[in-house]
Amino acid sequence: MEITVTLDVMLARRKMRSKELAAIVGITEQNISLLKSGKVKGIRFETLAKICAALDCQPGDILEARPTS
């Protein structure tokens, strides 16, 4: 099973840009970009909570478990 990040979908639904989310959460745009692309190995719960608060969503709305083939 692998975890994929669907942050880009939630950003589009909320009509928010990565730059705006980065400013609200207090991380760099580059880190948001890395999250969106799935190139990170982990995320702090504190950061995840801030992202969810900014996007008014639950962690399951931006993280998805998919079976590996």
PDB file of N, CA and C in Angstrom:
ATOM      1  N   MET A   1       0.854  -1.170   0.000  1.00  0.00           N
ATOM      2  CA  MET A   1       0.000   0.000   0.000  1.00  0.00           C
ATOM      3  C   MET A   1       0.898   1.231   0.000  1.00  0.00           C
ATOM      4  N   GLU A   2       0.517   2.222  -0.776  1.00  0.00           N
ATOM      5  CA  GLU A   2       1.254   3.480  -0.798  1.00  0.00           C
ATOM      6  C   GLU A   2       0.300   4.632  -0.509  1.00  0.00           C
ATOM      7  N   ILE A   3       0.846   5.671   0.069  1.00  0.00           N
ATOM      8  CA  ILE A   3       0.069   6.869   0.383  1.00  0.00           C
ATOM      9  C   ILE A   3       0.364   7.916  -0.686  1.00  0.00           C
ATOM     10  N   THR A   4      -0.683   8.424  -1.314  1.00  0.00           N
ATOM     11  CA  THR A   4      -0.511   9.489  -2.304  1.00  0.00           C
ATOM     12  C   THR A   4      -1.127  10.770  -1.757  1.00  0.00           C
ATOM     13  N   VAL A   5      -0.568  11.881  -2.177  1.00  0.00           N
ATOM     14  CA  VAL A   5      -1.013  13.197  -1.723  1.00  0.00           C
ATOM     15  C   VAL A   5      -1.869  13.820  -2.818  1.00  0.00           C
ATOM     16  N   THR A   6      -3.083  14.204  -2.448  1.00  0.00           N
ATOM     17  CA  THR A   6      -4.003  14.834  -3.403  1.00  0.00           C
ATOM     18  C   THR A   6      -4.230  16.303  -3.025  1.00  0.00           C
ATOM     19  N   LEU A   7      -3.175  16.924  -2.545  1.00  0.00           N
ATOM     20  CA  LEU A   7      -3.252  18.325  -2.110  1.00  0.00           C
ATOM     21  C   LEU A   7      -3.640  19.248  -3.258  1.00  0.00           C
ATOM     22  N   ASP A   8      -3.152  18.969  -4.457  1.00  0.00           N
ATOM     23  CA  ASP A   8      -3.474  19.817  -5.603  1.00  0.00           C
ATOM     24  C   ASP A   8      -4.970  19.834  -5.887  1.00  0.00           C
ATOM     25  N   VAL A   9      -5.643  18.706  -5.681  1.00  0.00           N
ATOM     26  CA  VAL A   9      -7.091  18.629  -5.899  1.00  0.00           C
ATOM     27  C   VAL A   9      -7.820  19.517  -4.890  1.00  0.00           C
ATOM     28  N   MET A  10      -7.421  19.430  -3.626  1.00  0.00           N
ATOM     29  CA  MET A  10      -8.072  20.235  -2.588  1.00  0.00           C
ATOM     30  C   MET A  10      -7.799  21.721  -2.786  1.00  0.00           C
ATOM     31  N   LEU A  11      -6.593  22.067  -3.214  1.00  0.00           N
ATOM     32  CA  LEU A  11      -6.294  23.468  -3.507  1.00  0.00           C
ATOM     33  C   LEU A  11      -7.202  23.989  -4.618  1.00  0.00           C
ATOM     34  N   ALA A  12      -7.416  23.193  -5.645  1.00  0.00           N
ATOM     35  CA  ALA A  12      -8.290  23.600  -6.751  1.00  0.00           C
ATOM     36  C   ALA A  12      -9.729  23.750  -6.264  1.00  0.00           C
ATOM     37  N   ARG A  13     -10.182  22.832  -5.433  1.00  0.00           N
ATOM     38  CA  ARG A  13     -11.551  22.919  -4.905  1.00  0.00           C
ATOM     39  C   ARG A  13     -11.756  24.172  -4.071  1.00  0.00           C
ATOM     40  N   ARG A  14     -10.729  24.548  -3.331  1.00  0.00           N
ATOM     41  CA  ARG A  14     -10.830  25.733  -2.455  1.00  0.00           C
ATOM     42  C   ARG A  14     -10.431  27.022  -3.182  1.00  0.00           C
ATOM     43  N   LYS A  15     -10.044  26.885  -4.450  1.00  0.00           N
ATOM     44  CA  LYS A  15      -9.610  28.037  -5.258  1.00  0.00           C
ATOM     45  C   LYS A  15      -8.512  28.819  -4.536  1.00  0.00           C
ATOM     46  N   MET A  16      -7.522  28.057  -4.073  1.00  0.00           N
ATOM     47  CA  MET A  16      -6.396  28.638  -3.349  1.00  0.00           C
ATOM     48  C   MET A  16      -5.106  28.281  -4.081  1.00  0.00           C
ATOM     49  N   ARG A  17      -4.189  29.206  -4.095  1.00  0.00           N
ATOM     50  CA  ARG A  17      -2.891  28.968  -4.721  1.00  0.00           C
ATOM     51  C   ARG A  17      -1.907  28.435  -3.682  1.00  0.00           C
ATOM     52  N   SER A  18      -0.912  27.736  -4.175  1.00  0.00           N
ATOM     53  CA  SER A  18       0.119  27.180  -3.303  1.00  0.00           C
ATOM     54  C   SER A  18       0.801  28.274  -2.494  1.00  0.00           C
ATOM     55  N   LYS A  19       1.019  29.414  -3.112  1.00  0.00           N
ATOM     56  CA  LYS A  19       1.686  30.539  -2.447  1.00  0.00           C
ATOM     57  C   LYS A  19       0.876  30.994  -1.234  1.00  0.00           C
ATOM     58  N   GLU A  20      -0.431  31.080  -1.395  1.00  0.00           N
ATOM     59  CA  GLU A  20      -1.302  31.501  -0.301  1.00  0.00           C
ATOM     60  C   GLU A  20      -1.296  30.471   0.831  1.00  0.00           C
ATOM     61  N   LEU A  21      -1.383  29.196   0.475  1.00  0.00           N
ATOM     62  CA  LEU A  21      -1.356  28.142   1.486  1.00  0.00           C
ATOM     63  C   LEU A  21      -0.033  28.147   2.235  1.00  0.00           C
ATOM     64  N   ALA A  22       1.059  28.312   1.528  1.00  0.00           N
ATOM     65  CA  ALA A  22       2.378  28.344   2.153  1.00  0.00           C
ATOM     66  C   ALA A  22       2.462  29.472   3.186  1.00  0.00           C
ATOM     67  N   ALA A  23       1.926  30.630   2.833  1.00  0.00           N
ATOM     68  CA  ALA A  23       1.957  31.773   3.749  1.00  0.00           C
ATOM     69  C   ALA A  23       1.116  31.504   4.996  1.00  0.00           C
ATOM     70  N   ILE A  24      -0.039  30.897   4.822  1.00  0.00           N
ATOM     71  CA  ILE A  24      -0.921  30.600   5.955  1.00  0.00           C
ATOM     72  C   ILE A  24      -0.283  29.561   6.875  1.00  0.00           C
ATOM     73  N   VAL A  25       0.272  28.511   6.283  1.00  0.00           N
ATOM     74  CA  VAL A  25       0.827  27.395   7.052  1.00  0.00           C
ATOM     75  C   VAL A  25       2.182  27.744   7.659  1.00  0.00           C
ATOM     76  N   GLY A  26       2.924  28.627   6.991  1.00  0.00           N
ATOM     77  CA  GLY A  26       4.237  29.018   7.496  1.00  0.00           C
ATOM     78  C   GLY A  26       5.357  28.127   6.992  1.00  0.00           C
ATOM     79  N   ILE A  27       5.186  27.575   5.788  1.00  0.00           N
ATOM     80  CA  ILE A  27       6.251  26.797   5.149  1.00  0.00           C
ATOM     81  C   ILE A  27       6.511  27.396   3.776  1.00  0.00           C
ATOM     82  N   THR A  28       7.568  26.955   3.136  1.00  0.00           N
ATOM     83  CA  THR A  28       7.933  27.531   1.847  1.00  0.00           C
ATOM     84  C   THR A  28       7.051  26.989   0.723  1.00  0.00           C
ATOM     85  N   GLU A  29       6.965  27.756  -0.340  1.00  0.00           N
ATOM     86  CA  GLU A  29       6.247  27.294  -1.530  1.00  0.00           C
ATOM     87  C   GLU A  29       6.885  26.027  -2.084  1.00  0.00           C
ATOM     88  N   GLN A  30       8.201  25.928  -1.963  1.00  0.00           N
ATOM     89  CA  GLN A  30       8.903  24.744  -2.446  1.00  0.00           C
ATOM     90  C   GLN A  30       8.443  23.498  -1.686  1.00  0.00           C
ATOM     91  N   ASN A  31       8.242  23.630  -0.374  1.00  0.00           N
ATOM     92  CA  ASN A  31       7.759  22.485   0.403  1.00  0.00           C
ATOM     93  C   ASN A  31       6.331  22.107   0.012  1.00  0.00           C
ATOM     94  N   ILE A  32       5.502  23.092  -0.284  1.00  0.00           N
ATOM     95  CA  ILE A  32       4.142  22.802  -0.764  1.00  0.00           C
ATOM     96  C   ILE A  32       4.237  22.064  -2.096  1.00  0.00           C
ATOM     97  N   SER A  33       5.126  22.517  -2.969  1.00  0.00           N
ATOM     98  CA  SER A  33       5.310  21.879  -4.266  1.00  0.00           C
ATOM     99  C   SER A  33       5.772  20.432  -4.110  1.00  0.00           C
ATOM    100  N   LEU A  34       6.692  20.196  -3.191  1.00  0.00           N
ATOM    101  CA  LEU A  34       7.164  18.841  -2.940  1.00  0.00           C
ATOM    102  C   LEU A  34       6.040  17.952  -2.403  1.00  0.00           C
ATOM    103  N   LEU A  35       5.210  18.515  -1.540  1.00  0.00           N
ATOM    104  CA  LEU A  35       4.062  17.767  -1.030  1.00  0.00           C
ATOM    105  C   LEU A  35       3.104  17.407  -2.159  1.00  0.00           C
ATOM    106  N   LYS A  36       2.800  18.399  -3.002  1.00  0.00           N
ATOM    107  CA  LYS A  36       1.869  18.173  -4.110  1.00  0.00           C
ATOM    108  C   LYS A  36       2.375  17.102  -5.060  1.00  0.00           C
ATOM    109  N   SER A  37       3.670  17.063  -5.277  1.00  0.00           N
ATOM    110  CA  SER A  37       4.234  16.099  -6.220  1.00  0.00           C
ATOM    111  C   SER A  37       4.448  14.727  -5.595  1.00  0.00           C
ATOM    112  N   GLY A  38       4.299  14.632  -4.278  1.00  0.00           N
ATOM    113  CA  GLY A  38       4.483  13.348  -3.604  1.00  0.00           C
ATOM    114  C   GLY A  38       5.933  12.968  -3.408  1.00  0.00           C
ATOM    115  N   LYS A  39       6.831  13.933  -3.489  1.00  0.00           N
ATOM    116  CA  LYS A  39       8.263  13.649  -3.371  1.00  0.00           C
ATOM    117  C   LYS A  39       8.779  13.740  -1.938  1.00  0.00           C
ATOM    118  N   VAL A  40       7.880  13.721  -0.975  1.00  0.00           N
ATOM    119  CA  VAL A  40       8.297  13.756   0.422  1.00  0.00           C
ATOM    120  C   VAL A  40       8.093  12.380   1.040  1.00  0.00           C
ATOM    121  N   LYS A  41       8.890  12.070   2.020  1.00  0.00           N
ATOM    122  CA  LYS A  41       8.798  10.776   2.708  1.00  0.00           C
ATOM    123  C   LYS A  41       7.911  10.859   3.943  1.00  0.00           C
ATOM    124  N   GLY A  42       7.652  12.082   4.409  1.00  0.00           N
ATOM    125  CA  GLY A  42       6.838  12.237   5.607  1.00  0.00           C
ATOM    126  C   GLY A  42       6.389  13.674   5.773  1.00  0.00           C
ATOM    127  N   ILE A  43       5.469  13.863   6.706  1.00  0.00           N
ATOM    128  CA  ILE A  43       4.973  15.202   7.019  1.00  0.00           C
ATOM    129  C   ILE A  43       4.692  15.248   8.514  1.00  0.00           C
ATOM    130  N   ARG A  44       5.024  16.334   9.135  1.00  0.00           N
ATOM    131  CA  ARG A  44       4.755  16.495  10.565  1.00  0.00           C
ATOM    132  C   ARG A  44       3.249  16.644  10.770  1.00  0.00           C
ATOM    133  N   PHE A  45       2.761  16.057  11.847  1.00  0.00           N
ATOM    134  CA  PHE A  45       1.335  16.178  12.144  1.00  0.00           C
ATOM    135  C   PHE A  45       0.938  17.642  12.329  1.00  0.00           C
ATOM    136  N   GLU A  46       1.823  18.433  12.901  1.00  0.00           N
ATOM    137  CA  GLU A  46       1.550  19.854  13.104  1.00  0.00           C
ATOM    138  C   GLU A  46       1.334  20.557  11.760  1.00  0.00           C
ATOM    139  N   THR A  47       2.185  20.255  10.791  1.00  0.00           N
ATOM    140  CA  THR A  47       2.048  20.846   9.456  1.00  0.00           C
ATOM    141  C   THR A  47       0.781  20.358   8.783  1.00  0.00           C
ATOM    142  N   LEU A  48       0.499  19.078   8.894  1.00  0.00           N
ATOM    143  CA  LEU A  48      -0.719  18.510   8.318  1.00  0.00           C
ATOM    144  C   LEU A  48      -1.955  19.174   8.926  1.00  0.00           C
ATOM    145  N   ALA A  49      -1.942  19.388  10.229  1.00  0.00           N
ATOM    146  CA  ALA A  49      -3.070  20.037  10.902  1.00  0.00           C
ATOM    147  C   ALA A  49      -3.262  21.471  10.406  1.00  0.00           C
ATOM    148  N   LYS A  50      -2.160  22.194  10.207  1.00  0.00           N
ATOM    149  CA  LYS A  50      -2.252  23.571   9.708  1.00  0.00           C
ATOM    150  C   LYS A  50      -2.792  23.605   8.278  1.00  0.00           C
ATOM    151  N   ILE A  51      -2.354  22.666   7.451  1.00  0.00           N
ATOM    152  CA  ILE A  51      -2.851  22.584   6.074  1.00  0.00           C
ATOM    153  C   ILE A  51      -4.344  22.298   6.085  1.00  0.00           C
ATOM    154  N   CYS A  52      -4.755  21.351   6.912  1.00  0.00           N
ATOM    155  CA  CYS A  52      -6.179  21.002   6.987  1.00  0.00           C
ATOM    156  C   CYS A  52      -7.015  22.170   7.512  1.00  0.00           C
ATOM    157  N   ALA A  53      -6.484  22.904   8.477  1.00  0.00           N
ATOM    158  CA  ALA A  53      -7.203  24.072   9.000  1.00  0.00           C
ATOM    159  C   ALA A  53      -7.352  25.140   7.918  1.00  0.00           C
ATOM    160  N   ALA A  54      -6.285  25.375   7.166  1.00  0.00           N
ATOM    161  CA  ALA A  54      -6.319  26.393   6.110  1.00  0.00           C
ATOM    162  C   ALA A  54      -7.280  26.013   4.987  1.00  0.00           C
ATOM    163  N   LEU A  55      -7.374  24.712   4.694  1.00  0.00           N
ATOM    164  CA  LEU A  55      -8.225  24.251   3.593  1.00  0.00           C
ATOM    165  C   LEU A  55      -9.596  23.775   4.075  1.00  0.00           C
ATOM    166  N   ASP A  56      -9.824  23.840   5.383  1.00  0.00           N
ATOM    167  CA  ASP A  56     -11.082  23.385   5.983  1.00  0.00           C
ATOM    168  C   ASP A  56     -11.404  21.967   5.518  1.00  0.00           C
ATOM    169  N   CYS A  57     -10.474  21.054   5.795  1.00  0.00           N
ATOM    170  CA  CYS A  57     -10.649  19.670   5.371  1.00  0.00           C
ATOM    171  C   CYS A  57     -10.071  18.728   6.416  1.00  0.00           C
ATOM    172  N   GLN A  58     -10.209  17.448   6.176  1.00  0.00           N
ATOM    173  CA  GLN A  58      -9.664  16.399   7.030  1.00  0.00           C
ATOM    174  C   GLN A  58      -8.413  15.822   6.360  1.00  0.00           C
ATOM    175  N   PRO A  59      -7.506  15.209   7.125  1.00  0.00           N
ATOM    176  CA  PRO A  59      -6.314  14.611   6.511  1.00  0.00           C
ATOM    177  C   PRO A  59      -6.651  13.626   5.392  1.00  0.00           C
ATOM    178  N   GLY A  60      -7.730  12.886   5.541  1.00  0.00           N
ATOM    179  CA  GLY A  60      -8.135  11.937   4.508  1.00  0.00           C
ATOM    180  C   GLY A  60      -8.563  12.588   3.209  1.00  0.00           C
ATOM    181  N   ASP A  61      -8.808  13.896   3.251  1.00  0.00           N
ATOM    182  CA  ASP A  61      -9.169  14.618   2.027  1.00  0.00           C
ATOM    183  C   ASP A  61      -7.947  14.918   1.166  1.00  0.00           C
ATOM    184  N   ILE A  62      -6.764  14.894   1.769  1.00  0.00           N
ATOM    185  CA  ILE A  62      -5.558  15.209   0.999  1.00  0.00           C
ATOM    186  C   ILE A  62      -4.549  14.064   0.969  1.00  0.00           C
ATOM    187  N   LEU A  63      -4.824  13.002   1.716  1.00  0.00           N
ATOM    188  CA  LEU A  63      -3.982  11.809   1.705  1.00  0.00           C
ATOM    189  C   LEU A  63      -4.849  10.619   1.318  1.00  0.00           C
ATOM    190  N   GLU A  64      -4.334   9.785   0.437  1.00  0.00           N
ATOM    191  CA  GLU A  64      -5.092   8.645  -0.046  1.00  0.00           C
ATOM    192  C   GLU A  64      -4.221   7.399  -0.053  1.00  0.00           C
ATOM    193  N   ALA A  65      -4.740   6.318   0.492  1.00  0.00           N
ATOM    194  CA  ALA A  65      -4.018   5.043   0.499  1.00  0.00           C
ATOM    195  C   ALA A  65      -4.432   4.262  -0.752  1.00  0.00           C
ATOM    196  N   ARG A  66      -3.446   3.853  -1.531  1.00  0.00           N
ATOM    197  CA  ARG A  66      -3.707   3.080  -2.750  1.00  0.00           C
ATOM    198  C   ARG A  66      -2.919   1.787  -2.703  1.00  0.00           C
ATOM    199  N   PRO A  67      -3.548   0.689  -3.118  1.00  0.00           N
ATOM    200  CA  PRO A  67      -2.812  -0.573  -3.138  1.00  0.00           C
ATOM    201  C   PRO A  67      -1.696  -0.530  -4.180  1.00  0.00           C
ATOM    202  N   THR A  68      -0.576  -1.149  -3.855  1.00  0.00           N
ATOM    203  CA  THR A  68       0.514  -1.242  -4.817  1.00  0.00           C
ATOM    204  C   THR A  68       0.316  -2.486  -5.658  1.00  0.00           C
ATOM    205  N   SER A  69       0.752  -2.399  -6.891  1.00  0.00           N
ATOM    206  CA  SER A  69       0.557  -3.553  -7.778  1.00  0.00           C
ATOM    207  C   SER A  69       1.702  -4.511  -7.765  1.00  0.00           C
TER     208      SER A  69
END
